[in-house]
Amino acid sequence: MPRVYPPIDGRQPNPPGISPSLVESVAGFSAGIFSTLVAHPFDVVKTRLQIDRSSRAQIGDSIRIVRHIFQNEGSYAALYRGLMPNMIGNSVSWGLYFMWYGNIKDLVRSVRGEGDRLSSSDYFLASGASGILTAVFTNPIWVIKTRMLSTGKNAPGAYQSIAHGTRELWKTEGVKGFYRGLIPSLLGVSHGAIQFMAYEQLKNRWSTGRGGKEKLTNMDFLVLSAASKMFAGSVTYPYQVVRARLQIYEAGQTYNSARDVIKQVLKHEGFGGFYRGLGPNLIRVLPSTCVTFLVYENTKFYLPRYLSGSDE
């Protein structure tokens, strides 16, 4: 199994002239592209389930959605509808997120003056702040992506492309339309904060358990990233359902606010409505998360050496 050698806590030293922020951004951007290519079909199914108001959540809903897509929207290509905005959103989001996350951790270290080791609260706050900044910058992309994934290409009013979606959204809803679902997204920052706090602490403990000398392998990163994602996902999934329902086409006619979504879901679908799509979401996010962190950690390690011409 190939090994990657980033330090357990803190940024690895980059060769002179290579910006740490650039490395973080490229690593995050690359991770977003690869993870989207792997997981996009699951994202389509998850989105359809999150906005489905037809009945209470039932086992087998995912199969019903997939069957409906094939029967009404054509070939397997329908599962890749909205790939471009999803890829742009994920790559830009991860690029910005990791850049800010690394910079904020460095800032905390410089202020605290306690070396490289950070506490759980430090990781939580750094991840939370990075998530807020990323959410504000990228929310317009996610609105268009959600609307493209939630409908078939031939559905009335369906966006045919990112450009078409941008024009239609601006024409019909103005600036406000691009920021639908932002509040639930900001509340959902807790998901990333919990995940990264768990991931960083698991890495620290994993290394400490080996005497602090054993290098982390790709399998280590697979296990640690999956465990942290499952932990965070089980705690914070309901906000994704609320956000998705606020971002669909007819949201303005169906819901007045995030609070209204919560009230209607509880009334018509019960508590289980907040966990619609959880199954395909877990199937989707685990491969996606593992790919994201593998690509990120390896790119962050190898990119500086490639740019500097080092073989070490």
C-alpha atoms as a PDB file:
ATOM      1  CA  MET A   1       0.000   0.000   0.000  1.00  0.00           C
ATOM      2  CA  PRO A   2       1.545   3.367  -0.982  1.00  0.00           C
ATOM      3  CA  ARG A   3       2.295   5.623   1.932  1.00  0.00           C
ATOM      4  CA  VAL A   4       1.772   9.346   2.307  1.00  0.00           C
ATOM      5  CA  TYR A   5       3.807  11.281   4.777  1.00  0.00           C
ATOM      6  CA  PRO A   6       2.170  14.535   5.886  1.00  0.00           C
ATOM      7  CA  PRO A   7       2.839  15.484   9.498  1.00  0.00           C
ATOM      8  CA  ILE A   8       0.114  14.454  11.920  1.00  0.00           C
ATOM      9  CA  ASP A   9      -0.734  18.027  12.860  1.00  0.00           C
ATOM     10  CA  GLY A  10       0.220  21.175  11.038  1.00  0.00           C
ATOM     11  CA  ARG A  11       1.318  21.888   7.489  1.00  0.00           C
ATOM     12  CA  GLN A  12       4.249  20.096   5.998  1.00  0.00           C
ATOM     13  CA  PRO A  13       7.115  22.419   5.069  1.00  0.00           C
ATOM     14  CA  ASN A  14       6.962  23.383   1.407  1.00  0.00           C
ATOM     15  CA  PRO A  15      10.017  24.033  -0.764  1.00  0.00           C
ATOM     16  CA  PRO A  16      11.013  27.724  -0.987  1.00  0.00           C
ATOM     17  CA  GLY A  17       8.834  29.807  -3.304  1.00  0.00           C
ATOM     18  CA  ILE A  18       5.823  27.470  -3.181  1.00  0.00           C
ATOM     19  CA  SER A  19       2.819  28.974  -1.403  1.00  0.00           C
ATOM     20  CA  PRO A  20       1.148  26.722   1.193  1.00  0.00           C
ATOM     21  CA  SER A  21      -2.193  28.298   0.259  1.00  0.00           C
ATOM     22  CA  LEU A  22      -1.665  27.340  -3.391  1.00  0.00           C
ATOM     23  CA  VAL A  23      -0.903  23.749  -2.426  1.00  0.00           C
ATOM     24  CA  GLU A  24      -3.989  23.560  -0.188  1.00  0.00           C
ATOM     25  CA  SER A  25      -6.196  25.039  -2.930  1.00  0.00           C
ATOM     26  CA  VAL A  26      -4.937  22.729  -5.690  1.00  0.00           C
ATOM     27  CA  ALA A  27      -5.213  19.698  -3.402  1.00  0.00           C
ATOM     28  CA  GLY A  28      -8.780  20.589  -2.444  1.00  0.00           C
ATOM     29  CA  PHE A  29      -9.758  21.448  -6.027  1.00  0.00           C
ATOM     30  CA  SER A  30      -8.413  18.113  -7.300  1.00  0.00           C
ATOM     31  CA  ALA A  31     -10.149  16.212  -4.521  1.00  0.00           C
ATOM     32  CA  GLY A  32     -13.472  17.851  -5.399  1.00  0.00           C
ATOM     33  CA  ILE A  33     -13.242  16.853  -9.063  1.00  0.00           C
ATOM     34  CA  PHE A  34     -12.367  13.205  -8.432  1.00  0.00           C
ATOM     35  CA  SER A  35     -14.931  12.710  -5.670  1.00  0.00           C
ATOM     36  CA  THR A  36     -17.721  14.207  -7.805  1.00  0.00           C
ATOM     37  CA  LEU A  37     -16.979  11.908 -10.734  1.00  0.00           C
ATOM     38  CA  VAL A  38     -17.214   8.912  -8.409  1.00  0.00           C
ATOM     39  CA  ALA A  39     -20.321   9.874  -6.453  1.00  0.00           C
ATOM     40  CA  HIS A  40     -22.548  12.000  -8.713  1.00  0.00           C
ATOM     41  CA  PRO A  41     -25.212   9.329  -9.492  1.00  0.00           C
ATOM     42  CA  PHE A  42     -25.755   8.794  -5.762  1.00  0.00           C
ATOM     43  CA  ASP A  43     -26.094  12.555  -5.358  1.00  0.00           C
ATOM     44  CA  VAL A  44     -28.881  12.619  -7.950  1.00  0.00           C
ATOM     45  CA  VAL A  45     -30.809   9.891  -6.107  1.00  0.00           C
ATOM     46  CA  LYS A  46     -30.221  11.532  -2.726  1.00  0.00           C
ATOM     47  CA  THR A  47     -31.466  14.906  -3.986  1.00  0.00           C
ATOM     48  CA  ARG A  48     -34.626  13.376  -5.474  1.00  0.00           C
ATOM     49  CA  LEU A  49     -35.329  11.615  -2.167  1.00  0.00           C
ATOM     50  CA  GLN A  50     -34.770  14.754  -0.111  1.00  0.00           C
ATOM     51  CA  ILE A  51     -37.372  16.722  -2.067  1.00  0.00           C
ATOM     52  CA  ASP A  52     -39.857  13.829  -2.391  1.00  0.00           C
ATOM     53  CA  ARG A  53     -43.085  14.758  -0.573  1.00  0.00           C
ATOM     54  CA  SER A  54     -45.248  11.931  -1.916  1.00  0.00           C
ATOM     55  CA  SER A  55     -45.330   9.752   1.191  1.00  0.00           C
ATOM     56  CA  ARG A  56     -43.563   8.849   4.384  1.00  0.00           C
ATOM     57  CA  ALA A  57     -40.046   7.521   4.003  1.00  0.00           C
ATOM     58  CA  GLN A  58     -39.972   3.791   3.248  1.00  0.00           C
ATOM     59  CA  ILE A  59     -37.365   1.115   2.674  1.00  0.00           C
ATOM     60  CA  GLY A  60     -36.816   0.770  -1.060  1.00  0.00           C
ATOM     61  CA  ASP A  61     -37.402   4.441  -1.894  1.00  0.00           C
ATOM     62  CA  SER A  62     -33.969   4.628  -3.534  1.00  0.00           C
ATOM     63  CA  ILE A  63     -34.822   1.789  -5.921  1.00  0.00           C
ATOM     64  CA  ARG A  64     -38.127   3.489  -6.732  1.00  0.00           C
ATOM     65  CA  ILE A  65     -36.318   6.722  -7.608  1.00  0.00           C
ATOM     66  CA  VAL A  66     -33.760   4.952  -9.814  1.00  0.00           C
ATOM     67  CA  ARG A  67     -36.518   3.030 -11.597  1.00  0.00           C
ATOM     68  CA  HIS A  68     -38.432   6.275 -12.193  1.00  0.00           C
ATOM     69  CA  ILE A  69     -35.330   7.947 -13.644  1.00  0.00           C
ATOM     70  CA  PHE A  70     -34.720   5.123 -16.118  1.00  0.00           C
ATOM     71  CA  GLN A  71     -38.381   4.873 -17.114  1.00  0.00           C
ATOM     72  CA  ASN A  72     -39.014   8.588 -17.577  1.00  0.00           C
ATOM     73  CA  GLU A  73     -35.671  10.217 -18.318  1.00  0.00           C
ATOM     74  CA  GLY A  74     -33.905   7.731 -20.532  1.00  0.00           C
ATOM     75  CA  SER A  75     -30.506   6.146 -20.210  1.00  0.00           C
ATOM     76  CA  TYR A  76     -27.847   5.961 -17.519  1.00  0.00           C
ATOM     77  CA  ALA A  77     -26.791   9.449 -18.598  1.00  0.00           C
ATOM     78  CA  ALA A  78     -29.772  10.802 -16.642  1.00  0.00           C
ATOM     79  CA  LEU A  79     -27.911   9.900 -13.450  1.00  0.00           C
ATOM     80  CA  TYR A  80     -25.224  12.379 -14.512  1.00  0.00           C
ATOM     81  CA  ARG A  81     -27.595  15.281 -15.077  1.00  0.00           C
ATOM     82  CA  GLY A  82     -26.193  18.360 -13.340  1.00  0.00           C
ATOM     83  CA  LEU A  83     -22.653  16.942 -13.279  1.00  0.00           C
ATOM     84  CA  MET A  84     -21.016  20.199 -14.334  1.00  0.00           C
ATOM     85  CA  PRO A  85     -22.458  22.470 -11.611  1.00  0.00           C
ATOM     86  CA  ASN A  86     -21.852  19.715  -9.077  1.00  0.00           C
ATOM     87  CA  MET A  87     -18.223  19.356 -10.187  1.00  0.00           C
ATOM     88  CA  ILE A  88     -17.686  23.108 -10.215  1.00  0.00           C
ATOM     89  CA  GLY A  89     -19.350  23.446  -6.825  1.00  0.00           C
ATOM     90  CA  ASN A  90     -17.371  20.639  -5.215  1.00  0.00           C
ATOM     91  CA  SER A  91     -14.001  21.564  -6.690  1.00  0.00           C
ATOM     92  CA  VAL A  92     -14.329  25.266  -5.873  1.00  0.00           C
ATOM     93  CA  SER A  93     -15.768  24.512  -2.426  1.00  0.00           C
ATOM     94  CA  TRP A  94     -13.005  22.103  -1.450  1.00  0.00           C
ATOM     95  CA  GLY A  95     -10.336  24.362  -2.919  1.00  0.00           C
ATOM     96  CA  LEU A  96     -11.552  27.363  -0.921  1.00  0.00           C
ATOM     97  CA  TYR A  97     -12.302  25.293   2.165  1.00  0.00           C
ATOM     98  CA  PHE A  98      -8.888  23.683   2.504  1.00  0.00           C
ATOM     99  CA  MET A  99      -7.133  26.972   1.730  1.00  0.00           C
ATOM    100  CA  TRP A 100      -9.012  28.797   4.491  1.00  0.00           C
ATOM    101  CA  TYR A 101      -8.814  25.838   6.859  1.00  0.00           C
ATOM    102  CA  GLY A 102      -5.034  25.687   6.574  1.00  0.00           C
ATOM    103  CA  ASN A 103      -4.643  29.459   6.923  1.00  0.00           C
ATOM    104  CA  ILE A 104      -6.934  29.661   9.953  1.00  0.00           C
ATOM    105  CA  LYS A 105      -5.108  26.796  11.683  1.00  0.00           C
ATOM    106  CA  ASP A 106      -1.816  28.595  11.049  1.00  0.00           C
ATOM    107  CA  LEU A 107      -3.316  31.795  12.477  1.00  0.00           C
ATOM    108  CA  VAL A 108      -4.486  29.968  15.598  1.00  0.00           C
ATOM    109  CA  ARG A 109      -1.021  28.469  16.082  1.00  0.00           C
ATOM    110  CA  SER A 110       0.658  31.862  15.722  1.00  0.00           C
ATOM    111  CA  VAL A 111      -1.730  33.452  18.224  1.00  0.00           C
ATOM    112  CA  ARG A 112      -1.569  30.624  20.752  1.00  0.00           C
ATOM    113  CA  GLY A 113       2.165  30.162  20.484  1.00  0.00           C
ATOM    114  CA  GLU A 114       1.870  26.548  21.602  1.00  0.00           C
ATOM    115  CA  GLY A 115       3.554  24.786  18.704  1.00  0.00           C
ATOM    116  CA  ASP A 116       1.745  22.694  16.116  1.00  0.00           C
ATOM    117  CA  ARG A 117      -0.612  20.726  18.359  1.00  0.00           C
ATOM    118  CA  LEU A 118      -4.169  22.068  18.346  1.00  0.00           C
ATOM    119  CA  SER A 119      -7.126  21.139  20.543  1.00  0.00           C
ATOM    120  CA  SER A 120     -10.489  19.728  19.457  1.00  0.00           C
ATOM    121  CA  SER A 121     -12.084  23.150  19.896  1.00  0.00           C
ATOM    122  CA  ASP A 122      -9.385  24.710  17.686  1.00  0.00           C
ATOM    123  CA  TYR A 123     -10.159  22.264  14.879  1.00  0.00           C
ATOM    124  CA  PHE A 124     -13.899  22.785  15.346  1.00  0.00           C
ATOM    125  CA  LEU A 125     -13.629  26.584  15.167  1.00  0.00           C
ATOM    126  CA  ALA A 126     -11.187  26.570  12.225  1.00  0.00           C
ATOM    127  CA  SER A 127     -13.390  24.185  10.274  1.00  0.00           C
ATOM    128  CA  GLY A 128     -16.548  26.105  11.173  1.00  0.00           C
ATOM    129  CA  ALA A 129     -15.121  29.445  10.050  1.00  0.00           C
ATOM    130  CA  SER A 130     -13.877  27.901   6.797  1.00  0.00           C
ATOM    131  CA  GLY A 131     -17.283  26.362   6.207  1.00  0.00           C
ATOM    132  CA  ILE A 132     -19.094  29.677   6.681  1.00  0.00           C
ATOM    133  CA  LEU A 133     -16.839  31.463   4.195  1.00  0.00           C
ATOM    134  CA  THR A 134     -17.179  28.636   1.677  1.00  0.00           C
ATOM    135  CA  ALA A 135     -20.978  28.478   2.025  1.00  0.00           C
ATOM    136  CA  VAL A 136     -21.401  32.197   1.342  1.00  0.00           C
ATOM    137  CA  PHE A 137     -19.154  32.098  -1.727  1.00  0.00           C
ATOM    138  CA  THR A 138     -20.587  28.939  -3.297  1.00  0.00           C
ATOM    139  CA  ASN A 139     -24.314  28.932  -2.429  1.00  0.00           C
ATOM    140  CA  PRO A 140     -25.383  30.194  -5.914  1.00  0.00           C
ATOM    141  CA  ILE A 141     -23.720  27.157  -7.514  1.00  0.00           C
ATOM    142  CA  TRP A 142     -25.545  24.789  -5.164  1.00  0.00           C
ATOM    143  CA  VAL A 143     -28.943  26.331  -5.904  1.00  0.00           C
ATOM    144  CA  ILE A 144     -28.487  25.696  -9.636  1.00  0.00           C
ATOM    145  CA  LYS A 145     -27.047  22.230  -8.999  1.00  0.00           C
ATOM    146  CA  THR A 146     -29.970  21.235  -6.760  1.00  0.00           C
ATOM    147  CA  ARG A 147     -32.536  22.362  -9.326  1.00  0.00           C
ATOM    148  CA  MET A 148     -30.805  20.496 -12.134  1.00  0.00           C
ATOM    149  CA  LEU A 149     -30.521  17.293 -10.102  1.00  0.00           C
ATOM    150  CA  SER A 150     -34.110  17.485  -8.846  1.00  0.00           C
ATOM    151  CA  THR A 151     -35.727  17.351 -12.309  1.00  0.00           C
ATOM    152  CA  GLY A 152     -35.368  15.546 -15.592  1.00  0.00           C
ATOM    153  CA  LYS A 153     -33.906  17.398 -18.558  1.00  0.00           C
ATOM    154  CA  ASN A 154     -37.276  17.539 -20.334  1.00  0.00           C
ATOM    155  CA  ALA A 155     -39.338  18.632 -17.324  1.00  0.00           C
ATOM    156  CA  PRO A 156     -41.183  21.978 -17.662  1.00  0.00           C
ATOM    157  CA  GLY A 157     -38.899  24.848 -16.671  1.00  0.00           C
ATOM    158  CA  ALA A 158     -35.869  22.599 -16.195  1.00  0.00           C
ATOM    159  CA  TYR A 159     -32.465  24.271 -16.467  1.00  0.00           C
ATOM    160  CA  GLN A 160     -30.580  23.002 -19.524  1.00  0.00           C
ATOM    161  CA  SER A 161     -27.162  24.239 -18.417  1.00  0.00           C
ATOM    162  CA  ILE A 162     -25.399  26.343 -15.802  1.00  0.00           C
ATOM    163  CA  ALA A 163     -25.664  29.432 -18.019  1.00  0.00           C
ATOM    164  CA  HIS A 164     -29.368  28.835 -18.656  1.00  0.00           C
ATOM    165  CA  GLY A 165     -29.995  28.263 -14.956  1.00  0.00           C
ATOM    166  CA  THR A 166     -28.133  31.428 -14.009  1.00  0.00           C
ATOM    167  CA  ARG A 167     -30.128  33.538 -16.473  1.00  0.00           C
ATOM    168  CA  GLU A 168     -33.478  32.055 -15.431  1.00  0.00           C
ATOM    169  CA  LEU A 169     -32.740  32.353 -11.732  1.00  0.00           C
ATOM    170  CA  TRP A 170     -31.682  35.993 -12.106  1.00  0.00           C
ATOM    171  CA  LYS A 171     -34.724  36.803 -14.246  1.00  0.00           C
ATOM    172  CA  THR A 172     -37.312  35.125 -12.035  1.00  0.00           C
ATOM    173  CA  GLU A 173     -35.951  35.523  -8.498  1.00  0.00           C
ATOM    174  CA  GLY A 174     -33.130  38.056  -8.582  1.00  0.00           C
ATOM    175  CA  VAL A 175     -30.180  38.025  -6.186  1.00  0.00           C
ATOM    176  CA  LYS A 176     -32.315  36.490  -3.438  1.00  0.00           C
ATOM    177  CA  GLY A 177     -32.800  33.346  -5.504  1.00  0.00           C
ATOM    178  CA  PHE A 178     -29.068  32.633  -5.572  1.00  0.00           C
ATOM    179  CA  TYR A 179     -29.000  32.517  -1.787  1.00  0.00           C
ATOM    180  CA  ARG A 180     -31.979  30.270  -1.155  1.00  0.00           C
ATOM    181  CA  GLY A 181     -31.094  27.716   1.491  1.00  0.00           C
ATOM    182  CA  LEU A 182     -28.111  29.721   2.756  1.00  0.00           C
ATOM    183  CA  ILE A 183     -29.304  29.756   6.373  1.00  0.00           C
ATOM    184  CA  PRO A 184     -29.651  25.953   6.547  1.00  0.00           C
ATOM    185  CA  SER A 185     -26.254  25.727   4.818  1.00  0.00           C
ATOM    186  CA  LEU A 186     -24.708  27.937   7.478  1.00  0.00           C
ATOM    187  CA  LEU A 187     -26.338  25.844  10.181  1.00  0.00           C
ATOM    188  CA  GLY A 188     -24.982  22.797   8.390  1.00  0.00           C
ATOM    189  CA  VAL A 189     -21.435  24.101   8.810  1.00  0.00           C
ATOM    190  CA  SER A 190     -21.542  22.156  12.057  1.00  0.00           C
ATOM    191  CA  HIS A 191     -21.344  18.969   9.959  1.00  0.00           C
ATOM    192  CA  GLY A 192     -17.963  19.858   8.495  1.00  0.00           C
ATOM    193  CA  ALA A 193     -16.743  21.187  11.827  1.00  0.00           C
ATOM    194  CA  ILE A 194     -17.647  17.937  13.586  1.00  0.00           C
ATOM    195  CA  GLN A 195     -16.176  15.842  10.774  1.00  0.00           C
ATOM    196  CA  PHE A 196     -12.831  17.646  10.657  1.00  0.00           C
ATOM    197  CA  MET A 197     -12.549  17.784  14.428  1.00  0.00           C
ATOM    198  CA  ALA A 198     -13.045  14.008  14.529  1.00  0.00           C
ATOM    199  CA  TYR A 199     -10.715  13.414  11.561  1.00  0.00           C
ATOM    200  CA  GLU A 200      -7.842  15.464  12.985  1.00  0.00           C
ATOM    201  CA  GLN A 201      -8.149  13.920  16.435  1.00  0.00           C
ATOM    202  CA  LEU A 202      -8.350  10.412  14.997  1.00  0.00           C
ATOM    203  CA  LYS A 203      -5.164  11.098  13.014  1.00  0.00           C
ATOM    204  CA  ASN A 204      -3.433  12.330  16.161  1.00  0.00           C
ATOM    205  CA  ARG A 205      -4.520   9.330  18.219  1.00  0.00           C
ATOM    206  CA  TRP A 206      -3.745   6.907  15.380  1.00  0.00           C
ATOM    207  CA  SER A 207      -0.192   8.200  15.210  1.00  0.00           C
ATOM    208  CA  THR A 208       0.242   8.400  18.982  1.00  0.00           C
ATOM    209  CA  GLY A 209      -0.846   4.780  19.290  1.00  0.00           C
ATOM    210  CA  ARG A 210       2.045   3.863  17.015  1.00  0.00           C
ATOM    211  CA  GLY A 211       4.555   5.842  18.996  1.00  0.00           C
ATOM    212  CA  GLY A 212       4.278   8.900  16.763  1.00  0.00           C
ATOM    213  CA  LYS A 213       6.742   7.455  14.263  1.00  0.00           C
ATOM    214  CA  GLU A 214       4.678   5.180  12.024  1.00  0.00           C
ATOM    215  CA  LYS A 215       3.755   6.890   8.776  1.00  0.00           C
ATOM    216  CA  LEU A 216       0.095   6.954   7.806  1.00  0.00           C
ATOM    217  CA  THR A 217      -0.887   4.795   4.838  1.00  0.00           C
ATOM    218  CA  ASN A 218      -3.626   5.325   2.294  1.00  0.00           C
ATOM    219  CA  MET A 219      -5.626   2.627   4.100  1.00  0.00           C
ATOM    220  CA  ASP A 220      -5.291   4.644   7.302  1.00  0.00           C
ATOM    221  CA  PHE A 221      -6.786   7.660   5.574  1.00  0.00           C
ATOM    222  CA  LEU A 222      -9.618   5.528   4.165  1.00  0.00           C
ATOM    223  CA  VAL A 223     -10.558   4.283   7.626  1.00  0.00           C
ATOM    224  CA  LEU A 224     -10.179   7.630   9.399  1.00  0.00           C
ATOM    225  CA  SER A 225     -12.070   9.659   6.807  1.00  0.00           C
ATOM    226  CA  ALA A 226     -14.935   7.134   6.657  1.00  0.00           C
ATOM    227  CA  ALA A 227     -15.272   6.975  10.439  1.00  0.00           C
ATOM    228  CA  SER A 228     -15.308  10.756  10.862  1.00  0.00           C
ATOM    229  CA  LYS A 229     -17.830  11.191   8.030  1.00  0.00           C
ATOM    230  CA  MET A 230     -20.243   8.602   9.410  1.00  0.00           C
ATOM    231  CA  PHE A 231     -20.086  10.204  12.836  1.00  0.00           C
ATOM    232  CA  ALA A 232     -20.766  13.714  11.540  1.00  0.00           C
ATOM    233  CA  GLY A 233     -23.371  12.579   9.016  1.00  0.00           C
ATOM    234  CA  SER A 234     -25.491  10.737  11.542  1.00  0.00           C
ATOM    235  CA  VAL A 235     -25.696  13.874  13.678  1.00  0.00           C
ATOM    236  CA  THR A 236     -26.351  16.580  11.092  1.00  0.00           C
ATOM    237  CA  TYR A 237     -28.212  15.011   8.141  1.00  0.00           C
ATOM    238  CA  PRO A 238     -31.663  16.652   8.724  1.00  0.00           C
ATOM    239  CA  TYR A 239     -30.391  20.111   7.774  1.00  0.00           C
ATOM    240  CA  GLN A 240     -29.564  18.824   4.273  1.00  0.00           C
ATOM    241  CA  VAL A 241     -33.206  17.868   3.751  1.00  0.00           C
ATOM    242  CA  VAL A 242     -34.362  21.317   4.882  1.00  0.00           C
ATOM    243  CA  ARG A 243     -31.819  23.035   2.638  1.00  0.00           C
ATOM    244  CA  ALA A 244     -32.714  20.940  -0.424  1.00  0.00           C
ATOM    245  CA  ARG A 245     -36.417  21.717  -0.072  1.00  0.00           C
ATOM    246  CA  LEU A 246     -35.715  25.428   0.144  1.00  0.00           C
ATOM    247  CA  GLN A 247     -33.680  25.314  -3.071  1.00  0.00           C
ATOM    248  CA  ILE A 248     -36.086  23.479  -5.410  1.00  0.00           C
ATOM    249  CA  TYR A 249     -38.015  25.276  -8.164  1.00  0.00           C
ATOM    250  CA  GLU A 250     -41.356  25.707  -6.386  1.00  0.00           C
ATOM    251  CA  ALA A 251     -39.863  26.394  -2.950  1.00  0.00           C
ATOM    252  CA  GLY A 252     -41.303  29.920  -2.840  1.00  0.00           C
ATOM    253  CA  GLN A 253     -44.835  28.596  -3.306  1.00  0.00           C
ATOM    254  CA  THR A 254     -44.424  25.626  -0.967  1.00  0.00           C
ATOM    255  CA  TYR A 255     -42.387  26.878   1.985  1.00  0.00           C
ATOM    256  CA  ASN A 256     -42.118  30.243   3.725  1.00  0.00           C
ATOM    257  CA  SER A 257     -38.917  29.594   5.647  1.00  0.00           C
ATOM    258  CA  ALA A 258     -36.684  26.910   7.119  1.00  0.00           C
ATOM    259  CA  ARG A 259     -39.006  26.803  10.126  1.00  0.00           C
ATOM    260  CA  ASP A 260     -41.962  26.216   7.809  1.00  0.00           C
ATOM    261  CA  VAL A 261     -40.122  23.309   6.153  1.00  0.00           C
ATOM    262  CA  ILE A 262     -39.544  21.720   9.552  1.00  0.00           C
ATOM    263  CA  LYS A 263     -43.204  22.126  10.541  1.00  0.00           C
ATOM    264  CA  GLN A 264     -44.507  20.673   7.276  1.00  0.00           C
ATOM    265  CA  VAL A 265     -42.114  17.724   7.296  1.00  0.00           C
ATOM    266  CA  LEU A 266     -43.083  16.824  10.857  1.00  0.00           C
ATOM    267  CA  LYS A 267     -46.787  17.198  10.070  1.00  0.00           C
ATOM    268  CA  HIS A 268     -46.940  15.255   6.815  1.00  0.00           C
ATOM    269  CA  GLU A 269     -43.979  12.869   6.954  1.00  0.00           C
ATOM    270  CA  GLY A 270     -43.030  12.500  10.576  1.00  0.00           C
ATOM    271  CA  PHE A 271     -39.525  12.545  12.024  1.00  0.00           C
ATOM    272  CA  GLY A 272     -38.395  10.043   9.401  1.00  0.00           C
ATOM    273  CA  GLY A 273     -38.878  12.724   6.756  1.00  0.00           C
ATOM    274  CA  PHE A 274     -35.737  14.433   7.997  1.00  0.00           C
ATOM    275  CA  TYR A 275     -33.759  11.322   7.112  1.00  0.00           C
ATOM    276  CA  ARG A 276     -35.041  10.836   3.569  1.00  0.00           C
ATOM    277  CA  GLY A 277     -32.135   9.801   1.386  1.00  0.00           C
ATOM    278  CA  LEU A 278     -29.893   8.926   4.325  1.00  0.00           C
ATOM    279  CA  GLY A 279     -29.169   5.452   2.918  1.00  0.00           C
ATOM    280  CA  PRO A 280     -27.992   6.584  -0.528  1.00  0.00           C
ATOM    281  CA  ASN A 281     -26.330   9.550   1.122  1.00  0.00           C
ATOM    282  CA  LEU A 282     -24.169   7.264   3.261  1.00  0.00           C
ATOM    283  CA  ILE A 283     -23.407   5.100   0.228  1.00  0.00           C
ATOM    284  CA  ARG A 284     -22.541   8.262  -1.693  1.00  0.00           C
ATOM    285  CA  VAL A 285     -20.563  10.169   0.918  1.00  0.00           C
ATOM    286  CA  LEU A 286     -18.330   7.354   2.099  1.00  0.00           C
ATOM    287  CA  PRO A 287     -16.684   6.686  -1.296  1.00  0.00           C
ATOM    288  CA  SER A 288     -16.770  10.422  -1.987  1.00  0.00           C
ATOM    289  CA  THR A 289     -15.199  11.279   1.363  1.00  0.00           C
ATOM    290  CA  CYS A 290     -12.543   8.590   1.075  1.00  0.00           C
ATOM    291  CA  VAL A 291     -11.619   9.734  -2.446  1.00  0.00           C
ATOM    292  CA  THR A 292     -11.615  13.376  -1.323  1.00  0.00           C
ATOM    293  CA  PHE A 293      -9.209  12.812   1.544  1.00  0.00           C
ATOM    294  CA  LEU A 294      -6.974  10.377  -0.336  1.00  0.00           C
ATOM    295  CA  VAL A 295      -6.574  12.792  -3.239  1.00  0.00           C
ATOM    296  CA  TYR A 296      -6.188  15.768  -0.910  1.00  0.00           C
ATOM    297  CA  GLU A 297      -3.580  14.181   1.372  1.00  0.00           C
ATOM    298  CA  ASN A 298      -1.543  12.747  -1.509  1.00  0.00           C
ATOM    299  CA  THR A 299      -1.727  15.918  -3.605  1.00  0.00           C
ATOM    300  CA  LYS A 300      -0.745  18.020  -0.603  1.00  0.00           C
ATOM    301  CA  PHE A 301       2.295  15.809  -0.059  1.00  0.00           C
ATOM    302  CA  TYR A 302       3.453  15.169  -3.629  1.00  0.00           C
ATOM    303  CA  LEU A 303       2.614  18.475  -5.362  1.00  0.00           C
ATOM    304  CA  PRO A 304       5.337  20.560  -3.628  1.00  0.00           C
ATOM    305  CA  ARG A 305       7.913  17.876  -4.412  1.00  0.00           C
ATOM    306  CA  TYR A 306       6.812  17.725  -8.031  1.00  0.00           C
ATOM    307  CA  LEU A 307       6.986  21.505  -8.424  1.00  0.00           C
ATOM    308  CA  SER A 308      10.418  21.655  -6.804  1.00  0.00           C
ATOM    309  CA  GLY A 309      11.740  18.674  -8.772  1.00  0.00           C
ATOM    310  CA  SER A 310      12.445  16.735  -5.586  1.00  0.00           C
ATOM    311  CA  ASP A 311      12.440  12.929  -5.644  1.00  0.00           C
ATOM    312  CA  GLU A 312      12.197  12.614  -1.859  1.00  0.00           C
END
